[in-house]
Amino acid sequence: MTDTRSDDAGAPRPTPLGANGQTSRKRSAGRPTLDTVARHAGVGRGTVSRVINGSPKVAEDTRTAVLDAIKELGYVPNQAARTLVTQRTDTVALVVTESQEWLWGEPFFAGVLRGASDQLAEDNMRLMLTFAPKDGDRSRLESYLMGGHVDGVMMVSSHSGDPLPERLEESGIPMVLCGTPTGLNPVAYVDCDNRSGARQAVEYLAEKGCRRIGTIAGPQDMQVGVDRLNGYWDGLRGHRLPVEDDLVTIAGGFDEASGVKAARELFEKGGRMDAIVAASDPLAIATMRIAREHGMDVPGDLALIGFDDSPMAEVAEPPLTTVHQPTETMGREMARLLGGRIRGEEAGPLVTILGTRIVVRQSA
C-alpha cells in the first residue's frame, strides 16, 4: 500500500510507508540532502530546487509539502550547489579603503554599516566586510572580488586616483560607492549634499552675528572634503564675509588626531575668530580641545559647528551643534541600489543625493 502525492508536473510519486502502513518520518542518517527532501516530500529533485530558489512555477500544495519536509528533516541548502543553479552567491562585499584603525574610530561608518546590513538582511543577502588600504597590496583582494565570490561591491571612503573602483566597474561587477567619486564616471553612488550642509553651517553662524569664520576642511583628495570646503566658501560669499586663506586649514583626515594638528595650525595663522566650521564631528571635538588650550571658551569666545551628527556630538562638553547627515539611510540606499544592479533591474549610473540639516546644540 502506498500514499501518493503529485509534484507540479502532475506525475504521482510514491511516498515510502512504514511496516504499519503509516508514512515513514524517520530522519535519514547523516546530513539530509536534496534527494532526501525530494523522497520525503514525494516530489522530484528539480521541484525541491525550484522551491528553495523561490520559483513561482510550483503548485502551492507541493510547495507546502517541500517546506514541511525541509523543516522536519532539518535540511540546510548547500550554498555551493545553490550558487551553481542561480549563478549568485547572495554575498555582497563592503570594501573600506582605509585602515582598520580608521574604521573603529570613525563614527560616520557605523551608521552606514548598520543601514546597509539591515537592508541586505531584508533581501536575504550576506555582508562581507573587508579592507583595502590605499597604500597596501590589493592584488589578492581584487582577484577575490573579480573571481565570482561576491555578487556585488559597496565601497566606502574612496580617494581620487584609486584604481580599484574603475577596475571593478570595467570588469562588470555591480558596484555602488558611498560618496561622490572623484574622476570616475559613470558609476553608481550615494551621498549627502555636503556642499549645502557646509553652506548652511556658515549661514547659521553669520545670522548669529559671527563675522570672522574659520574652517578645518577635510582631505582634498576626497570629493566630500572638496564639497564641504566649497560649501564654506559659498556661505561666506553669500553673506559678504571675508574670504581669507588664513582662515582655512586642511586636515589630513576626518579623525580627531588630524583635527588636533589642523586646529593648532588654524589658531596660529588665523588669529582671533568668531567661529569655526569643522568638516566632521571628530575634527570639531579636537578643535574644542585646542581652543581651551588657547584660553577660549566654547561657545562664549568661539562658536563651533561639526559635521555628521554622530553620537559623540551629543555627549561633547558642551554638546556640539552639527550638520546632520543620514548615514543609516545612506547605507540602506547603497544596498538597495546594489541589489537592483545585481538582479538586473537597474542599468547605467545611479545617483542618490540625500539632504542635510543643522542640529542646534550648545556649541553654537
Protein backbone atom coordinates (compact mmCIF):
# COMPACT_ATOMS: atom_id res chain seq x y z
CA MET A 1 0.00 0.00 0.00
CA THR A 2 1.36 3.42 -0.89
CA ASP A 3 0.31 7.01 -0.39
CA THR A 4 0.86 9.25 -3.41
CA ARG A 5 1.35 12.96 -3.94
CA SER A 6 1.65 14.84 -7.20
CA ASP A 7 4.50 17.20 -7.97
CA ASP A 8 3.92 20.34 -10.01
CA ALA A 9 4.29 18.42 -13.26
CA GLY A 10 1.29 16.31 -12.27
CA ALA A 11 3.14 12.95 -12.11
CA PRO A 12 2.35 10.94 -8.96
CA ARG A 13 5.34 9.78 -6.97
CA PRO A 14 5.27 7.22 -4.16
CA THR A 15 5.98 8.18 -0.58
CA PRO A 16 7.66 5.34 1.38
CA LEU A 17 5.43 3.76 4.03
CA GLY A 18 6.40 2.02 7.23
CA ALA A 19 5.53 -1.57 8.15
CA ASN A 20 2.28 -0.45 9.81
CA GLY A 21 1.16 1.39 6.71
CA GLN A 22 1.97 4.85 8.09
CA THR A 23 4.16 7.31 6.26
CA SER A 24 7.74 6.99 7.49
CA ARG A 25 9.05 10.14 9.22
CA LYS A 26 12.42 8.84 10.34
CA ARG A 27 15.33 11.17 9.74
CA SER A 28 17.96 9.89 7.33
CA ALA A 29 21.35 9.10 8.76
CA GLY A 30 23.79 11.96 8.33
CA ARG A 31 23.11 15.34 6.84
CA PRO A 32 19.93 15.37 4.70
CA THR A 33 20.42 16.07 1.01
CA LEU A 34 18.25 17.47 -1.76
CA ASP A 35 17.37 13.90 -2.76
CA THR A 36 16.38 13.10 0.84
CA VAL A 37 13.97 16.03 0.88
CA ALA A 38 12.56 15.04 -2.53
CA ARG A 39 11.85 11.47 -1.39
CA HIS A 40 10.36 12.70 1.89
CA ALA A 41 8.03 15.14 0.13
CA GLY A 42 7.18 12.70 -2.65
CA VAL A 43 8.33 15.02 -5.42
CA GLY A 44 11.15 15.27 -7.87
CA ARG A 45 14.60 16.70 -7.11
CA GLY A 46 14.01 19.58 -9.52
CA THR A 47 10.83 20.55 -7.69
CA VAL A 48 12.71 20.86 -4.40
CA SER A 49 15.33 23.02 -6.12
CA ARG A 50 12.63 25.30 -7.52
CA VAL A 51 11.02 25.70 -4.10
CA ILE A 52 14.37 26.53 -2.46
CA ASN A 53 15.14 29.13 -5.12
CA GLY A 54 11.73 30.78 -4.83
CA SER A 55 10.39 29.82 -8.25
CA PRO A 56 6.70 30.75 -8.76
CA LYS A 57 6.26 27.71 -11.04
CA VAL A 58 5.35 25.37 -8.18
CA ALA A 59 1.85 24.43 -7.04
CA GLU A 60 1.06 25.76 -3.56
CA ASP A 61 0.31 22.33 -2.03
CA THR A 62 3.57 21.00 -3.45
CA ARG A 63 5.50 23.98 -2.07
CA THR A 64 3.95 23.35 1.35
CA ALA A 65 4.91 19.65 1.24
CA VAL A 66 8.53 20.52 0.35
CA LEU A 67 8.82 23.18 3.03
CA ASP A 68 7.38 20.79 5.61
CA ALA A 69 9.94 18.16 4.61
CA ILE A 70 12.77 20.68 4.82
CA LYS A 71 11.69 21.71 8.29
CA GLU A 72 11.18 18.17 9.56
CA LEU A 73 14.47 16.88 8.20
CA GLY A 74 16.44 19.96 9.23
CA TYR A 75 17.73 20.38 5.69
CA VAL A 76 20.13 23.28 5.04
CA PRO A 77 20.66 24.12 1.35
CA ASN A 78 24.24 23.66 0.19
CA GLN A 79 25.43 27.13 -0.79
CA ALA A 80 27.88 25.86 -3.39
CA ALA A 81 25.15 23.87 -5.13
CA ARG A 82 22.75 26.80 -4.93
CA THR A 83 25.38 29.05 -6.48
CA LEU A 84 25.70 26.66 -9.42
CA VAL A 85 21.96 26.87 -10.02
CA THR A 86 21.45 30.62 -9.54
CA GLN A 87 24.92 31.86 -10.56
CA ARG A 88 24.79 34.01 -7.41
CA THR A 89 26.49 33.81 -4.04
CA ASP A 90 23.98 36.05 -2.19
CA THR A 91 27.03 37.78 -0.70
CA VAL A 92 27.98 41.44 -1.03
CA ALA A 93 31.39 42.87 -0.12
CA LEU A 94 31.68 46.16 1.73
CA VAL A 95 35.19 47.41 0.93
CA VAL A 96 36.69 50.05 3.22
CA THR A 97 39.63 51.82 1.60
CA GLU A 98 41.18 52.77 4.94
CA SER A 99 42.95 51.02 7.79
CA GLN A 100 41.13 49.03 10.47
CA GLU A 101 42.13 51.71 12.98
CA TRP A 102 40.20 54.26 10.91
CA LEU A 103 37.11 52.06 10.92
CA TRP A 104 36.78 51.78 14.69
CA GLY A 105 37.48 55.48 15.24
CA GLU A 106 35.12 56.82 12.57
CA PRO A 107 31.54 57.39 13.82
CA PHE A 108 30.25 58.03 10.29
CA PHE A 109 30.93 54.44 9.25
CA ALA A 110 28.85 52.81 12.00
CA GLY A 111 25.61 54.30 10.66
CA VAL A 112 26.40 53.34 7.06
CA LEU A 113 27.23 49.78 8.12
CA ARG A 114 24.03 49.48 10.16
CA GLY A 115 21.81 50.70 7.32
CA ALA A 116 23.48 48.54 4.66
CA SER A 117 23.40 45.35 6.75
CA ASP A 118 19.73 45.87 7.68
CA GLN A 119 18.72 46.28 4.03
CA LEU A 120 20.76 43.29 2.89
CA ALA A 121 19.25 41.12 5.63
CA GLU A 122 15.77 42.03 4.38
CA ASP A 123 16.89 40.96 0.90
CA ASN A 124 18.29 37.64 2.26
CA MET A 125 21.85 38.60 1.37
CA ARG A 126 25.02 38.42 3.45
CA LEU A 127 27.52 41.21 4.06
CA MET A 128 31.26 40.62 3.95
CA LEU A 129 33.44 43.40 5.39
CA THR A 130 36.95 43.77 4.02
CA PHE A 131 39.71 46.38 3.95
CA ALA A 132 41.72 47.78 1.06
CA PRO A 133 44.10 50.43 2.50
CA LYS A 134 45.18 52.80 -0.27
CA ASP A 135 48.88 52.14 0.36
CA GLY A 136 48.66 48.34 0.69
CA ASP A 137 48.87 45.43 -1.77
CA ARG A 138 45.39 44.83 -3.18
CA SER A 139 46.11 42.17 -5.78
CA ARG A 140 44.66 39.27 -3.76
CA LEU A 141 41.55 41.26 -2.86
CA GLU A 142 40.98 42.30 -6.47
CA SER A 143 41.32 38.68 -7.61
CA TYR A 144 38.84 37.58 -4.96
CA LEU A 145 36.25 40.25 -5.81
CA MET A 146 36.54 39.55 -9.54
CA GLY A 147 36.58 35.77 -9.09
CA GLY A 148 32.86 35.25 -8.64
CA HIS A 149 32.92 35.04 -4.84
CA VAL A 150 30.58 38.01 -4.37
CA ASP A 151 27.60 39.31 -6.33
CA GLY A 152 28.47 42.99 -5.90
CA VAL A 153 30.62 45.52 -4.08
CA MET A 154 29.97 48.61 -1.98
CA MET A 155 32.94 50.91 -1.35
CA VAL A 156 33.42 53.43 1.45
CA SER A 157 35.96 56.28 1.71
CA SER A 158 37.47 56.13 -1.77
CA HIS A 159 40.18 58.68 -2.67
CA SER A 160 40.96 60.27 -6.01
CA GLY A 161 43.41 58.25 -8.07
CA ASP A 162 42.28 54.97 -6.50
CA PRO A 163 42.21 52.43 -9.38
CA LEU A 164 40.03 49.84 -7.61
CA PRO A 165 36.56 51.34 -8.38
CA GLU A 166 37.37 51.70 -12.06
CA ARG A 167 38.76 48.15 -12.30
CA LEU A 168 35.66 46.71 -10.67
CA GLU A 169 33.36 48.79 -12.87
CA GLU A 170 35.20 47.74 -16.05
CA SER A 171 35.09 44.08 -15.03
CA GLY A 172 31.28 44.24 -14.91
CA ILE A 173 30.89 43.67 -11.18
CA PRO A 174 27.83 45.55 -9.85
CA MET A 175 29.15 48.31 -7.62
CA VAL A 176 27.91 51.28 -5.57
CA LEU A 177 30.13 53.88 -3.92
CA CYS A 178 29.49 55.69 -0.65
CA GLY A 179 30.27 59.28 -1.57
CA THR A 180 30.63 61.16 -4.83
CA PRO A 181 33.56 59.72 -6.79
CA THR A 182 36.44 61.91 -7.93
CA GLY A 183 37.37 61.45 -11.59
CA LEU A 184 35.28 58.30 -12.13
CA ASN A 185 32.23 58.48 -14.38
CA PRO A 186 29.77 56.88 -14.88
CA VAL A 187 29.27 54.98 -11.66
CA ALA A 188 26.51 54.40 -9.11
CA TYR A 189 26.87 56.22 -5.79
CA VAL A 190 25.02 57.52 -2.75
CA ASP A 191 25.98 60.72 -0.96
CA CYS A 192 24.55 63.53 1.10
CA ASP A 193 24.55 67.15 -0.05
CA ASN A 194 27.86 68.04 1.57
CA ARG A 195 28.21 71.41 -0.11
CA SER A 196 24.77 72.54 1.00
CA GLY A 197 25.40 71.28 4.55
CA ALA A 198 28.60 73.30 4.94
CA ARG A 199 26.92 76.37 3.47
CA GLN A 200 24.06 76.01 5.95
CA ALA A 201 26.57 75.93 8.81
CA VAL A 202 28.22 79.20 7.72
CA GLU A 203 24.85 80.85 7.12
CA TYR A 204 23.68 79.85 10.60
CA LEU A 205 26.79 81.41 12.17
CA ALA A 206 26.54 84.56 10.05
CA GLU A 207 22.91 85.04 11.06
CA LYS A 208 24.01 84.83 14.71
CA GLY A 209 26.37 87.73 14.11
CA CYS A 210 29.69 85.91 13.54
CA ARG A 211 31.90 87.81 11.10
CA ARG A 212 35.28 86.03 11.09
CA ILE A 213 34.55 82.37 10.48
CA GLY A 214 37.33 79.83 10.00
CA THR A 215 37.19 76.24 8.85
CA ILE A 216 39.04 72.97 9.30
CA ALA A 217 38.44 71.30 5.95
CA GLY A 218 38.65 67.60 5.16
CA PRO A 219 41.19 65.92 2.84
CA GLN A 220 41.08 67.40 -0.65
CA ASP A 221 41.77 64.08 -2.36
CA MET A 222 38.20 63.08 -1.43
CA GLN A 223 35.18 64.72 -3.03
CA VAL A 224 33.48 65.03 0.35
CA GLY A 225 36.37 67.23 1.55
CA VAL A 226 36.23 69.34 -1.62
CA ASP A 227 32.45 69.77 -1.43
CA ARG A 228 32.42 70.81 2.23
CA LEU A 229 35.16 73.37 1.63
CA ASN A 230 33.29 74.78 -1.38
CA GLY A 231 30.15 75.00 0.76
CA TYR A 232 32.11 77.02 3.32
CA TRP A 233 33.21 79.45 0.59
CA ASP A 234 29.61 79.66 -0.69
CA GLY A 235 28.34 80.64 2.76
CA LEU A 236 30.95 83.36 3.22
CA ARG A 237 30.33 84.88 -0.20
CA GLY A 238 26.58 84.74 0.26
CA HIS A 239 26.90 86.93 3.38
CA ARG A 240 29.78 89.06 2.02
CA LEU A 241 32.12 87.89 4.75
CA PRO A 242 35.92 87.89 4.41
CA VAL A 243 37.33 85.06 2.30
CA GLU A 244 40.86 84.60 3.65
CA ASP A 245 43.36 81.78 3.17
CA ASP A 246 44.49 82.22 6.77
CA LEU A 247 41.04 81.14 7.93
CA VAL A 248 41.34 77.73 6.24
CA THR A 249 43.32 74.68 7.34
CA ILE A 250 43.21 71.34 5.52
CA ALA A 251 43.18 68.30 7.81
CA GLY A 252 44.90 65.09 6.76
CA GLY A 253 41.80 63.07 7.69
CA PHE A 254 38.42 63.37 9.32
CA ASP A 255 39.65 61.87 12.62
CA GLU A 256 40.38 63.55 15.93
CA ALA A 257 44.18 63.20 15.72
CA SER A 258 44.15 65.03 12.37
CA GLY A 259 41.90 67.65 13.98
CA VAL A 260 44.35 68.39 16.79
CA LYS A 261 47.12 69.13 14.31
CA ALA A 262 44.88 71.18 11.99
CA ALA A 263 43.31 73.19 14.85
CA ARG A 264 46.71 74.19 16.23
CA GLU A 265 47.73 75.37 12.77
CA LEU A 266 44.49 77.33 12.32
CA PHE A 267 44.78 79.13 15.67
CA GLU A 268 48.40 80.06 14.88
CA LYS A 269 47.69 81.64 11.50
CA GLY A 270 44.02 82.61 11.75
CA GLY A 271 44.22 84.99 14.68
CA ARG A 272 41.04 85.89 16.50
CA MET A 273 37.96 84.17 15.05
CA ASP A 274 34.28 84.34 15.98
CA ALA A 275 33.53 80.80 14.87
CA ILE A 276 34.89 77.66 13.22
CA VAL A 277 33.15 75.16 10.95
CA ALA A 278 34.80 71.72 11.08
CA ALA A 279 34.33 69.14 8.31
CA SER A 280 33.49 66.34 10.77
CA ASP A 281 32.47 65.86 14.39
CA PRO A 282 35.87 64.39 15.40
CA LEU A 283 37.59 67.45 13.88
CA ALA A 284 35.23 69.71 15.85
CA ILE A 285 35.84 67.82 19.12
CA ALA A 286 39.59 68.23 18.60
CA THR A 287 39.08 71.94 17.94
CA MET A 288 37.25 72.32 21.28
CA ARG A 289 40.30 70.85 23.00
CA ILE A 290 42.77 73.19 21.30
CA ALA A 291 40.51 76.21 21.89
CA ARG A 292 40.70 75.53 25.63
CA GLU A 293 44.49 75.33 25.37
CA HIS A 294 44.31 78.88 23.99
CA GLY A 295 42.12 80.00 26.90
CA MET A 296 38.99 80.23 24.78
CA ASP A 297 35.52 79.20 25.88
CA VAL A 298 33.08 77.42 23.56
CA PRO A 299 30.60 78.96 22.82
CA GLY A 300 31.40 82.13 24.85
CA ASP A 301 34.53 83.09 22.87
CA LEU A 302 34.18 80.80 19.89
CA ALA A 303 31.13 79.26 18.20
CA LEU A 304 31.80 75.79 16.79
CA ILE A 305 29.93 73.55 14.32
CA GLY A 306 30.79 69.98 13.29
CA PHE A 307 29.51 67.74 10.52
CA ASP A 308 28.00 64.22 10.93
CA ASP A 309 25.61 64.44 13.89
CA SER A 310 27.38 61.42 15.35
CA PRO A 311 26.74 60.09 18.89
CA MET A 312 29.87 61.89 20.10
CA ALA A 313 28.25 65.24 19.25
CA GLU A 314 25.56 64.73 21.89
CA VAL A 315 28.00 63.82 24.70
CA ALA A 316 30.60 66.50 23.93
CA GLU A 317 31.12 69.24 26.51
CA PRO A 318 29.39 71.43 25.52
CA PRO A 319 27.10 69.37 23.23
CA LEU A 320 28.07 70.02 19.64
CA THR A 321 25.98 71.88 17.07
CA THR A 322 26.48 69.91 13.88
CA VAL A 323 25.25 69.17 10.35
CA HIS A 324 23.16 66.02 10.30
CA GLN A 325 23.77 63.56 7.50
CA PRO A 326 21.51 60.47 7.34
CA THR A 327 24.19 57.77 7.48
CA GLU A 328 21.85 54.81 8.03
CA THR A 329 19.69 55.92 5.11
CA MET A 330 22.85 56.20 3.01
CA GLY A 331 23.77 52.61 3.87
CA ARG A 332 20.28 51.34 3.13
CA GLU A 333 20.14 53.18 -0.19
CA MET A 334 23.55 51.80 -1.21
CA ALA A 335 22.37 48.25 -0.53
CA ARG A 336 19.06 48.87 -2.30
CA LEU A 337 20.73 50.27 -5.43
CA LEU A 338 23.29 47.46 -5.46
CA GLY A 339 20.57 44.83 -5.13
CA GLY A 340 18.81 46.32 -8.15
CA ARG A 341 22.02 46.19 -10.19
CA ILE A 342 22.71 42.59 -9.15
CA ARG A 343 19.21 41.49 -10.16
CA GLY A 344 19.46 43.35 -13.46
CA GLU A 345 16.62 45.71 -12.54
CA GLU A 346 18.78 48.83 -12.77
CA ALA A 347 21.22 49.82 -15.51
CA GLY A 348 23.61 52.71 -16.03
CA PRO A 349 24.78 55.27 -13.49
CA LEU A 350 22.52 55.57 -10.46
CA VAL A 351 22.89 58.53 -8.12
CA THR A 352 21.12 59.32 -4.85
CA ILE A 353 21.86 62.60 -3.02
CA LEU A 354 20.31 62.93 0.44
CA GLY A 355 19.58 66.19 2.23
CA THR A 356 21.30 67.63 5.32
CA ARG A 357 20.16 69.89 8.17
CA ILE A 358 21.60 71.78 11.12
CA VAL A 359 21.15 70.22 14.56
CA VAL A 360 21.47 73.05 17.09
CA ARG A 361 23.04 72.29 20.46
CA GLN A 362 25.14 74.39 22.84
CA SER A 363 28.44 74.88 20.98
CA ALA A 364 26.95 77.47 18.60
